[in-house]
PDB file of N, CA and C in Angstrom:
ATOM      1  N   MET A   1     122.652 103.091  78.464  1.00  0.00           N
ATOM      2  CA  MET A   1     122.670 102.677  79.852  1.00  0.00           C
ATOM      3  C   MET A   1     121.226 102.586  80.349  1.00  0.00           C
ATOM      4  N   ASN A   2     120.909 101.489  81.003  1.00  0.00           N
ATOM      5  CA  ASN A   2     119.562 101.267  81.528  1.00  0.00           C
ATOM      6  C   ASN A   2     119.578 101.295  83.047  1.00  0.00           C
ATOM      7  N   LYS A   3     118.528 101.871  83.611  1.00  0.00           N
ATOM      8  CA  LYS A   3     118.356 101.854  85.054  1.00  0.00           C
ATOM      9  C   LYS A   3     117.846 100.471  85.450  1.00  0.00           C
ATOM     10  N   VAL A   4     118.345  99.929  86.558  1.00  0.00           N
ATOM     11  CA  VAL A   4     117.997  98.588  87.012  1.00  0.00           C
ATOM     12  C   VAL A   4     117.354  98.690  88.388  1.00  0.00           C
ATOM     13  N   VAL A   5     116.300  97.888  88.608  1.00  0.00           N
ATOM     14  CA  VAL A   5     115.627  97.851  89.904  1.00  0.00           C
ATOM     15  C   VAL A   5     115.629  96.424  90.426  1.00  0.00           C
ATOM     16  N   SER A   6     115.487  96.297  91.709  1.00  0.00           N
ATOM     17  CA  SER A   6     115.408  95.002  92.363  1.00  0.00           C
ATOM     18  C   SER A   6     113.937  94.702  92.648  1.00  0.00           C
ATOM     19  N   ILE A   7     113.498  93.493  92.275  1.00  0.00           N
ATOM     20  CA  ILE A   7     112.112  93.097  92.528  1.00  0.00           C
ATOM     21  C   ILE A   7     112.088  91.723  93.188  1.00  0.00           C
ATOM     22  N   GLU A   8     110.953  91.412  93.787  1.00  0.00           N
ATOM     23  CA  GLU A   8     110.751  90.093  94.370  1.00  0.00           C
ATOM     24  C   GLU A   8     109.520  89.469  93.729  1.00  0.00           C
ATOM     25  N   ILE A   9     109.713  88.288  93.177  1.00  0.00           N
ATOM     26  CA  ILE A   9     108.611  87.532  92.590  1.00  0.00           C
ATOM     27  C   ILE A   9     108.653  86.144  93.192  1.00  0.00           C
ATOM     28  N   ALA A  10     107.547  85.753  93.792  1.00  0.00           N
ATOM     29  CA  ALA A  10     107.442  84.425  94.410  1.00  0.00           C
ATOM     30  C   ALA A  10     108.612  84.180  95.368  1.00  0.00           C
ATOM     31  N   ARG A  11     108.902  85.179  96.147  1.00  0.00           N
ATOM     32  CA  ARG A  11     109.958  85.123  97.174  1.00  0.00           C
ATOM     33  C   ARG A  11     111.372  84.995  96.612  1.00  0.00           C
ATOM     34  N   GLN A  12     111.545  85.287  95.329  1.00  0.00           N
ATOM     35  CA  GLN A  12     112.857  85.284  94.697  1.00  0.00           C
ATOM     36  C   GLN A  12     113.181  86.714  94.273  1.00  0.00           C
ATOM     37  N   VAL A  13     114.404  87.130  94.505  1.00  0.00           N
ATOM     38  CA  VAL A  13     114.824  88.484  94.169  1.00  0.00           C
ATOM     39  C   VAL A  13     115.544  88.471  92.821  1.00  0.00           C
ATOM     40  N   PHE A  14     115.169  89.420  91.982  1.00  0.00           N
ATOM     41  CA  PHE A  14     115.780  89.566  90.664  1.00  0.00           C
ATOM     42  C   PHE A  14     116.106  91.030  90.417  1.00  0.00           C
ATOM     43  N   TRP A  15     117.146  91.242  89.629  1.00  0.00           N
ATOM     44  CA  TRP A  15     117.438  92.564  89.095  1.00  0.00           C
ATOM     45  C   TRP A  15     116.790  92.610  87.730  1.00  0.00           C
ATOM     46  N   ILE A  16     116.141  93.723  87.425  1.00  0.00           N
ATOM     47  CA  ILE A  16     115.427  93.850  86.163  1.00  0.00           C
ATOM     48  C   ILE A  16     115.556  95.279  85.663  1.00  0.00           C
ATOM     49  N   GLU A  17     115.694  95.423  84.359  1.00  0.00           N
ATOM     50  CA  GLU A  17     115.776  96.755  83.781  1.00  0.00           C
ATOM     51  C   GLU A  17     114.459  97.491  84.052  1.00  0.00           C
ATOM     52  N   GLU A  18     114.547  98.772  84.328  1.00  0.00           N
ATOM     53  CA  GLU A  18     113.366  99.535  84.741  1.00  0.00           C
ATOM     54  C   GLU A  18     112.248  99.487  83.696  1.00  0.00           C
ATOM     55  N   ASN A  19     112.578  99.679  82.419  1.00  0.00           N
ATOM     56  CA  ASN A  19     111.533  99.640  81.393  1.00  0.00           C
ATOM     57  C   ASN A  19     110.929  98.241  81.275  1.00  0.00           C
ATOM     58  N   THR A  20     111.727  97.225  81.496  1.00  0.00           N
ATOM     59  CA  THR A  20     111.246  95.844  81.466  1.00  0.00           C
ATOM     60  C   THR A  20     110.339  95.582  82.666  1.00  0.00           C
ATOM     61  N   TYR A  21     110.675  96.156  83.795  1.00  0.00           N
ATOM     62  CA  TYR A  21     109.838  96.025  84.999  1.00  0.00           C
ATOM     63  C   TYR A  21     108.451  96.601  84.746  1.00  0.00           C
ATOM     64  N   LYS A  22     108.381  97.732  84.071  1.00  0.00           N
ATOM     65  CA  LYS A  22     107.081  98.345  83.768  1.00  0.00           C
ATOM     66  C   LYS A  22     106.251  97.431  82.872  1.00  0.00           C
ATOM     67  N   GLN A  23     106.896  96.784  81.915  1.00  0.00           N
ATOM     68  CA  GLN A  23     106.190  95.841  81.043  1.00  0.00           C
ATOM     69  C   GLN A  23     105.690  94.637  81.841  1.00  0.00           C
ATOM     70  N   LEU A  24     106.514  94.151  82.761  1.00  0.00           N
ATOM     71  CA  LEU A  24     106.116  93.027  83.609  1.00  0.00           C
ATOM     72  C   LEU A  24     104.920  93.417  84.479  1.00  0.00           C
ATOM     73  N   GLN A  25     104.952  94.609  85.042  1.00  0.00           N
ATOM     74  CA  GLN A  25     103.825  95.083  85.849  1.00  0.00           C
ATOM     75  C   GLN A  25     102.542  95.103  85.033  1.00  0.00           C
ATOM     76  N   ASN A  26     102.609  95.618  83.817  1.00  0.00           N
ATOM     77  CA  ASN A  26     101.431  95.674  82.950  1.00  0.00           C
ATOM     78  C   ASN A  26     100.904  94.270  82.643  1.00  0.00           C
ATOM     79  N   TYR A  27     101.817  93.370  82.344  1.00  0.00           N
ATOM     80  CA  TYR A  27     101.448  91.983  82.054  1.00  0.00           C
ATOM     81  C   TYR A  27     100.733  91.348  83.247  1.00  0.00           C
ATOM     82  N   LEU A  28     101.311  91.475  84.432  1.00  0.00           N
ATOM     83  CA  LEU A  28     100.709  90.882  85.622  1.00  0.00           C
ATOM     84  C   LEU A  28      99.385  91.554  85.990  1.00  0.00           C
ATOM     85  N   HIS A  29      99.291  92.855  85.751  1.00  0.00           N
ATOM     86  CA  HIS A  29      98.046  93.582  86.016  1.00  0.00           C
ATOM     87  C   HIS A  29      96.926  93.059  85.103  1.00  0.00           C
ATOM     88  N   LYS A  30      97.240  92.830  83.839  1.00  0.00           N
ATOM     89  CA  LYS A  30      96.242  92.303  82.902  1.00  0.00           C
ATOM     90  C   LYS A  30      95.780  90.920  83.335  1.00  0.00           C
ATOM     91  N   ILE A  31      96.696  90.112  83.825  1.00  0.00           N
ATOM     92  CA  ILE A  31      96.320  88.784  84.307  1.00  0.00           C
ATOM     93  C   ILE A  31      95.368  88.906  85.492  1.00  0.00           C
ATOM     94  N   LYS A  32      95.687  89.795  86.428  1.00  0.00           N
ATOM     95  CA  LYS A  32      94.796  90.002  87.583  1.00  0.00           C
ATOM     96  C   LYS A  32      93.403  90.415  87.135  1.00  0.00           C
ATOM     97  N   GLN A  33      93.337  91.297  86.154  1.00  0.00           N
ATOM     98  CA  GLN A  33      92.037  91.739  85.648  1.00  0.00           C
ATOM     99  C   GLN A  33      91.265  90.579  85.021  1.00  0.00           C
ATOM    100  N   GLN A  34      91.949  89.737  84.266  1.00  0.00           N
ATOM    101  CA  GLN A  34      91.297  88.609  83.621  1.00  0.00           C
ATOM    102  C   GLN A  34      90.805  87.584  84.635  1.00  0.00           C
ATOM    103  N   LEU A  35      91.485  87.497  85.757  1.00  0.00           N
ATOM    104  CA  LEU A  35      91.115  86.527  86.791  1.00  0.00           C
ATOM    105  C   LEU A  35      90.129  87.088  87.816  1.00  0.00           C
ATOM    106  N   SER A  36      89.758  88.331  87.680  1.00  0.00           N
ATOM    107  CA  SER A  36      88.992  89.012  88.725  1.00  0.00           C
ATOM    108  C   SER A  36      87.688  88.307  89.100  1.00  0.00           C
ATOM    109  N   ASN A  37      87.073  87.588  88.188  1.00  0.00           N
ATOM    110  CA  ASN A  37      85.804  86.914  88.482  1.00  0.00           C
ATOM    111  C   ASN A  37      85.972  85.439  88.840  1.00  0.00           C
ATOM    112  N   ASP A  38      87.190  84.984  88.901  1.00  0.00           N
ATOM    113  CA  ASP A  38      87.462  83.578  89.210  1.00  0.00           C
ATOM    114  C   ASP A  38      87.612  83.406  90.719  1.00  0.00           C
ATOM    115  N   GLU A  39      86.938  82.427  91.270  1.00  0.00           N
ATOM    116  CA  GLU A  39      87.011  82.230  92.723  1.00  0.00           C
ATOM    117  C   GLU A  39      88.385  81.769  93.188  1.00  0.00           C
ATOM    118  N   ASP A  40      89.177  81.201  92.289  1.00  0.00           N
ATOM    119  CA  ASP A  40      90.528  80.757  92.622  1.00  0.00           C
ATOM    120  C   ASP A  40      91.596  81.728  92.127  1.00  0.00           C
ATOM    121  N   ALA A  41      91.219  82.971  91.927  1.00  0.00           N
ATOM    122  CA  ALA A  41      92.105  83.974  91.322  1.00  0.00           C
ATOM    123  C   ALA A  41      93.428  84.110  92.068  1.00  0.00           C
ATOM    124  N   ASN A  42      93.396  84.199  93.379  1.00  0.00           N
ATOM    125  CA  ASN A  42      94.634  84.393  94.144  1.00  0.00           C
ATOM    126  C   ASN A  42      95.597  83.229  93.972  1.00  0.00           C
ATOM    127  N   GLU A  43      95.080  82.031  94.015  1.00  0.00           N
ATOM    128  CA  GLU A  43      95.935  80.849  93.867  1.00  0.00           C
ATOM    129  C   GLU A  43      96.509  80.765  92.447  1.00  0.00           C
ATOM    130  N   ILE A  44      95.685  81.028  91.463  1.00  0.00           N
ATOM    131  CA  ILE A  44      96.145  81.008  90.070  1.00  0.00           C
ATOM    132  C   ILE A  44      97.217  82.064  89.855  1.00  0.00           C
ATOM    133  N   TYR A  45      96.982  83.258  90.387  1.00  0.00           N
ATOM    134  CA  TYR A  45      97.945  84.355  90.234  1.00  0.00           C
ATOM    135  C   TYR A  45      99.278  83.999  90.889  1.00  0.00           C
ATOM    136  N   LYS A  46      99.233  83.410  92.076  1.00  0.00           N
ATOM    137  CA  LYS A  46     100.466  82.994  92.750  1.00  0.00           C
ATOM    138  C   LYS A  46     101.217  81.944  91.931  1.00  0.00           C
ATOM    139  N   ASP A  47     100.471  81.030  91.323  1.00  0.00           N
ATOM    140  CA  ASP A  47     101.105  80.017  90.464  1.00  0.00           C
ATOM    141  C   ASP A  47     101.777  80.664  89.256  1.00  0.00           C
ATOM    142  N   ILE A  48     101.130  81.663  88.685  1.00  0.00           N
ATOM    143  CA  ILE A  48     101.713  82.374  87.538  1.00  0.00           C
ATOM    144  C   ILE A  48     102.979  83.098  87.964  1.00  0.00           C
ATOM    145  N   GLU A  49     102.927  83.791  89.099  1.00  0.00           N
ATOM    146  CA  GLU A  49     104.124  84.467  89.609  1.00  0.00           C
ATOM    147  C   GLU A  49     105.259  83.473  89.836  1.00  0.00           C
ATOM    148  N   LEU A  50     104.939  82.324  90.398  1.00  0.00           N
ATOM    149  CA  LEU A  50     105.953  81.294  90.644  1.00  0.00           C
ATOM    150  C   LEU A  50     106.580  80.840  89.333  1.00  0.00           C
ATOM    151  N   ARG A  51     105.757  80.627  88.322  1.00  0.00           N
ATOM    152  CA  ARG A  51     106.298  80.183  87.031  1.00  0.00           C
ATOM    153  C   ARG A  51     107.153  81.270  86.388  1.00  0.00           C
ATOM    154  N   VAL A  52     106.736  82.512  86.480  1.00  0.00           N
ATOM    155  CA  VAL A  52     107.548  83.620  85.957  1.00  0.00           C
ATOM    156  C   VAL A  52     108.899  83.635  86.661  1.00  0.00           C
ATOM    157  N   SER A  53     108.882  83.472  87.968  1.00  0.00           N
ATOM    158  CA  SER A  53     110.110  83.441  88.745  1.00  0.00           C
ATOM    159  C   SER A  53     111.016  82.285  88.307  1.00  0.00           C
ATOM    160  N   GLU A  54     110.441  81.109  88.116  1.00  0.00           N
ATOM    161  CA  GLU A  54     111.224  79.953  87.665  1.00  0.00           C
ATOM    162  C   GLU A  54     111.861  80.211  86.305  1.00  0.00           C
ATOM    163  N   LEU A  55     111.092  80.779  85.398  1.00  0.00           N
ATOM    164  CA  LEU A  55     111.609  81.054  84.053  1.00  0.00           C
ATOM    165  C   LEU A  55     112.692  82.122  84.079  1.00  0.00           C
ATOM    166  N   PHE A  56     112.504  83.159  84.891  1.00  0.00           N
ATOM    167  CA  PHE A  56     113.547  84.172  85.030  1.00  0.00           C
ATOM    168  C   PHE A  56     114.829  83.545  85.540  1.00  0.00           C
ATOM    169  N   TYR A  57     114.702  82.667  86.521  1.00  0.00           N
ATOM    170  CA  TYR A  57     115.884  82.008  87.078  1.00  0.00           C
ATOM    171  C   TYR A  57     116.594  81.175  86.015  1.00  0.00           C
ATOM    172  N   GLU A  58     115.829  80.444  85.215  1.00  0.00           N
ATOM    173  CA  GLU A  58     116.424  79.626  84.154  1.00  0.00           C
ATOM    174  C   GLU A  58     117.109  80.495  83.102  1.00  0.00           C
ATOM    175  N   LEU A  59     116.489  81.604  82.744  1.00  0.00           N
ATOM    176  CA  LEU A  59     117.037  82.470  81.703  1.00  0.00           C
ATOM    177  C   LEU A  59     118.220  83.303  82.168  1.00  0.00           C
ATOM    178  N   ASN A  60     118.281  83.541  83.466  1.00  0.00           N
ATOM    179  CA  ASN A  60     119.284  84.455  83.987  1.00  0.00           C
ATOM    180  C   ASN A  60     120.043  83.825  85.141  1.00  0.00           C
ATOM    181  N   SER A  61     120.678  82.710  84.878  1.00  0.00           N
ATOM    182  CA  SER A  61     121.421  82.032  85.942  1.00  0.00           C
ATOM    183  C   SER A  61     122.651  82.834  86.362  1.00  0.00           C
ATOM    184  N   ASN A  62     123.077  83.785  85.537  1.00  0.00           N
ATOM    185  CA  ASN A  62     124.177  84.683  85.886  1.00  0.00           C
ATOM    186  C   ASN A  62     123.604  85.852  86.673  1.00  0.00           C
ATOM    187  N   GLU A  63     123.688  85.790  87.981  1.00  0.00           N
ATOM    188  CA  GLU A  63     123.046  86.771  88.852  1.00  0.00           C
ATOM    189  C   GLU A  63     123.585  88.186  88.719  1.00  0.00           C
ATOM    190  N   SER A  64     124.683  88.361  88.008  1.00  0.00           N
ATOM    191  CA  SER A  64     125.257  89.696  87.902  1.00  0.00           C
ATOM    192  C   SER A  64     124.599  90.525  86.800  1.00  0.00           C
ATOM    193  N   GLN A  65     123.647  89.928  86.058  1.00  0.00           N
ATOM    194  CA  GLN A  65     122.981  90.658  84.993  1.00  0.00           C
ATOM    195  C   GLN A  65     121.498  90.805  85.293  1.00  0.00           C
ATOM    196  N   ALA A  66     120.937  91.909  84.829  1.00  0.00           N
ATOM    197  CA  ALA A  66     119.524  92.182  85.035  1.00  0.00           C
ATOM    198  C   ALA A  66     118.690  91.483  83.968  1.00  0.00           C
ATOM    199  N   ILE A  67     117.442  91.192  84.309  1.00  0.00           N
ATOM    200  CA  ILE A  67     116.503  90.634  83.349  1.00  0.00           C
ATOM    201  C   ILE A  67     116.263  91.698  82.272  1.00  0.00           C
ATOM    202  N   SER A  68     116.393  91.290  81.029  1.00  0.00           N
ATOM    203  CA  SER A  68     116.251  92.225  79.914  1.00  0.00           C
ATOM    204  C   SER A  68     114.854  92.120  79.300  1.00  0.00           C
ATOM    205  N   GLU A  69     114.563  93.053  78.411  1.00  0.00           N
ATOM    206  CA  GLU A  69     113.287  93.047  77.701  1.00  0.00           C
ATOM    207  C   GLU A  69     113.145  91.770  76.865  1.00  0.00           C
ATOM    208  N   GLN A  70     114.222  91.334  76.249  1.00  0.00           N
ATOM    209  CA  GLN A  70     114.191  90.115  75.444  1.00  0.00           C
ATOM    210  C   GLN A  70     113.883  88.895  76.325  1.00  0.00           C
ATOM    211  N   GLN A  71     114.455  88.829  77.506  1.00  0.00           N
ATOM    212  CA  GLN A  71     114.187  87.717  78.409  1.00  0.00           C
ATOM    213  C   GLN A  71     112.731  87.730  78.870  1.00  0.00           C
ATOM    214  N   LEU A  72     112.203  88.911  79.164  1.00  0.00           N
ATOM    215  CA  LEU A  72     110.790  89.002  79.538  1.00  0.00           C
ATOM    216  C   LEU A  72     109.918  88.522  78.392  1.00  0.00           C
ATOM    217  N   ASP A  73     110.263  88.898  77.179  1.00  0.00           N
ATOM    218  CA  ASP A  73     109.525  88.440  76.001  1.00  0.00           C
ATOM    219  C   ASP A  73     109.519  86.918  75.914  1.00  0.00           C
ATOM    220  N   GLN A  74     110.641  86.289  76.222  1.00  0.00           N
ATOM    221  CA  GLN A  74     110.715  84.826  76.195  1.00  0.00           C
ATOM    222  C   GLN A  74     109.787  84.203  77.228  1.00  0.00           C
ATOM    223  N   VAL A  75     109.567  84.904  78.318  1.00  0.00           N
ATOM    224  CA  VAL A  75     108.705  84.388  79.385  1.00  0.00           C
ATOM    225  C   VAL A  75     107.230  84.584  79.047  1.00  0.00           C
ATOM    226  N   ILE A  76     106.872  85.755  78.558  1.00  0.00           N
ATOM    227  CA  ILE A  76     105.449  86.040  78.345  1.00  0.00           C
ATOM    228  C   ILE A  76     104.967  85.722  76.930  1.00  0.00           C
ATOM    229  N   ASN A  77     105.887  85.527  75.991  1.00  0.00           N
ATOM    230  CA  ASN A  77     105.532  85.171  74.609  1.00  0.00           C
ATOM    231  C   ASN A  77     106.389  84.010  74.131  1.00  0.00           C
ATOM    232  N   PRO A  78     106.356  82.874  74.799  1.00  0.00           N
ATOM    233  CA  PRO A  78     107.282  81.792  74.459  1.00  0.00           C
ATOM    234  C   PRO A  78     107.122  81.267  73.044  1.00  0.00           C
ATOM    235  N   SER A  79     105.935  81.350  72.466  1.00  0.00           N
ATOM    236  CA  SER A  79     105.731  80.803  71.121  1.00  0.00           C
ATOM    237  C   SER A  79     106.551  81.543  70.065  1.00  0.00           C
ATOM    238  N   ARG A  80     106.939  82.768  70.345  1.00  0.00           N
ATOM    239  CA  ARG A  80     107.748  83.535  69.412  1.00  0.00           C
ATOM    240  C   ARG A  80     109.172  83.008  69.318  1.00  0.00           C
ATOM    241  N   PHE A  81     109.585  82.196  70.272  1.00  0.00           N
ATOM    242  CA  PHE A  81     110.980  81.753  70.335  1.00  0.00           C
ATOM    243  C   PHE A  81     111.134  80.266  70.020  1.00  0.00           C
ATOM    244  N   TYR A  82     110.054  79.596  69.689  1.00  0.00           N
ATOM    245  CA  TYR A  82     110.129  78.161  69.390  1.00  0.00           C
ATOM    246  C   TYR A  82     109.671  77.877  67.988  1.00  0.00           C
TER     247      TYR A  82
END
């Protein structure tokens, strides 16, 4: 049994497994760090969040299920699935 939390990404609400949420936080934090010296960092980061949100929506059109670790992997490591 996994604990599930509710999150908002790019103004979209998703249910996500707690351990998967921690991985997503780490991923987004690393992106922020990499963009820290870019003058367009905020806009780029918002675009990334929007794309993550779009991909989550595509992968999880059944709103009764939480985003899983495998689904997060498909979003942040797409080359592994193609």
